[in-house]
């Protein structure tokens, strides 16, 4: 949050209404979904690796 506020003060970030298009919002949402899936896969891998290591 602090980084966004600072960027806004410096003029590097637009916080006005309509500063993000629907297309860019969907792109960000798609990226978020993909990153969550990667985290889930990494967690599953780590749990499996830990079980194999202890066995």
N, C-alpha and C. Protein backbone atom coordinates (compact mmCIF):
# COMPACT_ATOMS: atom_id res chain seq x y z
N UNK A 1 0.83 -1.18 0.00
CA UNK A 1 0.00 0.00 0.00
C UNK A 1 0.88 1.25 0.00
N UNK A 2 1.92 1.24 0.82
CA UNK A 2 2.80 2.41 0.88
C UNK A 2 3.42 2.70 -0.48
N UNK A 3 3.83 1.63 -1.18
CA UNK A 3 4.44 1.81 -2.49
C UNK A 3 3.49 2.43 -3.49
N UNK A 4 2.23 2.04 -3.44
CA UNK A 4 1.24 2.61 -4.36
C UNK A 4 0.99 4.07 -4.04
N UNK A 5 0.90 4.39 -2.76
CA UNK A 5 0.66 5.79 -2.38
C UNK A 5 1.84 6.66 -2.81
N UNK A 6 3.04 6.16 -2.62
CA UNK A 6 4.23 6.91 -3.02
C UNK A 6 4.26 7.11 -4.53
N UNK A 7 3.96 6.03 -5.29
CA UNK A 7 3.94 6.13 -6.75
C UNK A 7 2.89 7.12 -7.20
N UNK A 8 1.76 7.15 -6.52
CA UNK A 8 0.71 8.11 -6.87
C UNK A 8 1.18 9.55 -6.63
N UNK A 9 1.85 9.77 -5.48
CA UNK A 9 2.36 11.11 -5.19
C UNK A 9 3.39 11.56 -6.21
N UNK A 10 4.20 10.61 -6.69
CA UNK A 10 5.23 10.94 -7.67
C UNK A 10 4.66 11.09 -9.08
N UNK A 11 3.40 10.70 -9.25
CA UNK A 11 2.76 10.82 -10.55
C UNK A 11 2.99 9.63 -11.45
N UNK A 12 3.45 8.52 -10.88
CA UNK A 12 3.70 7.31 -11.68
C UNK A 12 2.51 6.36 -11.72
N UNK A 13 1.47 6.68 -10.97
CA UNK A 13 0.33 5.78 -10.87
C UNK A 13 -0.94 6.61 -10.90
N UNK A 14 -1.86 6.26 -11.77
CA UNK A 14 -3.12 6.98 -11.83
C UNK A 14 -4.16 6.30 -10.96
N UNK A 15 -4.73 7.02 -10.02
CA UNK A 15 -5.75 6.47 -9.13
C UNK A 15 -7.14 7.02 -9.44
N UNK A 16 -7.26 7.73 -10.55
CA UNK A 16 -8.54 8.31 -10.92
C UNK A 16 -9.50 7.21 -11.41
N UNK A 17 -10.77 7.53 -11.43
CA UNK A 17 -11.74 6.61 -11.98
C UNK A 17 -11.43 6.39 -13.45
N UNK A 18 -11.47 5.16 -13.89
CA UNK A 18 -11.19 4.85 -15.28
C UNK A 18 -9.72 4.77 -15.60
N UNK A 19 -8.87 4.68 -14.60
CA UNK A 19 -7.43 4.60 -14.86
C UNK A 19 -7.04 3.21 -15.35
N UNK A 20 -7.95 2.26 -15.23
CA UNK A 20 -7.69 0.91 -15.71
C UNK A 20 -8.82 0.51 -16.65
N UNK A 21 -8.47 0.01 -17.81
CA UNK A 21 -9.49 -0.40 -18.77
C UNK A 21 -10.01 -1.79 -18.39
N UNK A 22 -11.18 -2.15 -18.85
CA UNK A 22 -11.69 -3.50 -18.58
C UNK A 22 -10.74 -4.59 -19.09
N UNK A 23 -10.09 -4.34 -20.22
CA UNK A 23 -9.17 -5.33 -20.76
C UNK A 23 -7.96 -5.52 -19.85
N UNK A 24 -7.40 -4.42 -19.34
CA UNK A 24 -6.24 -4.56 -18.45
C UNK A 24 -6.64 -5.20 -17.13
N UNK A 25 -7.86 -4.93 -16.67
CA UNK A 25 -8.33 -5.56 -15.44
C UNK A 25 -8.46 -7.07 -15.64
N UNK A 26 -8.97 -7.49 -16.79
CA UNK A 26 -9.09 -8.91 -17.07
C UNK A 26 -7.72 -9.55 -17.20
N UNK A 27 -6.76 -8.83 -17.79
CA UNK A 27 -5.42 -9.35 -17.92
C UNK A 27 -4.80 -9.55 -16.54
N UNK A 28 -4.98 -8.58 -15.66
CA UNK A 28 -4.46 -8.70 -14.30
C UNK A 28 -5.13 -9.85 -13.56
N UNK A 29 -6.42 -10.02 -13.75
CA UNK A 29 -7.14 -11.11 -13.11
C UNK A 29 -6.63 -12.45 -13.62
N UNK A 30 -6.39 -12.56 -14.90
CA UNK A 30 -5.85 -13.80 -15.46
C UNK A 30 -4.47 -14.10 -14.91
N UNK A 31 -3.66 -13.08 -14.76
CA UNK A 31 -2.32 -13.26 -14.20
C UNK A 31 -2.41 -13.71 -12.74
N UNK A 32 -3.33 -13.13 -11.99
CA UNK A 32 -3.52 -13.51 -10.60
C UNK A 32 -3.95 -14.97 -10.48
N UNK A 33 -4.86 -15.39 -11.33
CA UNK A 33 -5.32 -16.79 -11.33
C UNK A 33 -4.15 -17.72 -11.64
N UNK A 34 -3.34 -17.35 -12.63
CA UNK A 34 -2.19 -18.17 -13.00
C UNK A 34 -1.17 -18.25 -11.86
N UNK A 35 -0.91 -17.14 -11.20
CA UNK A 35 0.04 -17.14 -10.09
C UNK A 35 -0.47 -17.96 -8.91
N UNK A 36 -1.76 -17.89 -8.63
CA UNK A 36 -2.33 -18.72 -7.56
C UNK A 36 -2.18 -20.20 -7.88
N UNK A 37 -2.36 -20.58 -9.14
CA UNK A 37 -2.21 -21.96 -9.56
C UNK A 37 -0.75 -22.40 -9.38
N UNK A 38 0.20 -21.54 -9.74
CA UNK A 38 1.62 -21.87 -9.57
C UNK A 38 1.96 -22.08 -8.10
N UNK A 39 1.42 -21.23 -7.22
CA UNK A 39 1.67 -21.38 -5.79
C UNK A 39 1.10 -22.69 -5.29
N UNK A 40 -0.09 -23.03 -5.73
CA UNK A 40 -0.72 -24.29 -5.33
C UNK A 40 0.13 -25.48 -5.77
N UNK A 41 0.63 -25.45 -7.00
CA UNK A 41 1.46 -26.54 -7.50
C UNK A 41 2.77 -26.63 -6.72
N UNK A 42 3.37 -25.48 -6.39
CA UNK A 42 4.61 -25.48 -5.62
C UNK A 42 4.38 -26.03 -4.22
N UNK A 43 3.26 -25.65 -3.60
CA UNK A 43 2.95 -26.17 -2.27
C UNK A 43 2.79 -27.69 -2.30
N UNK A 44 2.07 -28.19 -3.30
CA UNK A 44 1.89 -29.63 -3.42
C UNK A 44 3.23 -30.33 -3.62
N UNK A 45 4.09 -29.75 -4.44
CA UNK A 45 5.42 -30.33 -4.68
C UNK A 45 6.23 -30.37 -3.39
N UNK A 46 6.20 -29.27 -2.62
CA UNK A 46 6.97 -29.22 -1.38
C UNK A 46 6.46 -30.22 -0.36
N UNK A 47 5.15 -30.38 -0.25
CA UNK A 47 4.59 -31.36 0.68
C UNK A 47 5.01 -32.75 0.27
N UNK A 48 4.94 -33.06 -1.02
CA UNK A 48 5.34 -34.38 -1.51
C UNK A 48 6.83 -34.62 -1.29
N UNK A 49 7.64 -33.61 -1.56
CA UNK A 49 9.09 -33.74 -1.37
C UNK A 49 9.41 -33.96 0.10
N UNK A 50 8.71 -33.26 0.98
CA UNK A 50 8.95 -33.41 2.41
C UNK A 50 8.58 -34.82 2.87
N UNK A 51 7.45 -35.36 2.35
CA UNK A 51 7.05 -36.73 2.70
C UNK A 51 8.09 -37.74 2.22
N UNK A 52 8.58 -37.55 0.99
CA UNK A 52 9.58 -38.46 0.42
C UNK A 52 10.89 -38.40 1.21
N UNK A 53 11.24 -37.22 1.65
CA UNK A 53 12.49 -37.03 2.39
C UNK A 53 12.44 -37.71 3.75
N UNK A 54 11.25 -37.65 4.39
CA UNK A 54 11.11 -38.25 5.72
C UNK A 54 10.96 -39.74 5.65
N UNK A 55 10.56 -40.29 4.52
CA UNK A 55 10.32 -41.73 4.39
C UNK A 55 11.59 -42.53 4.33
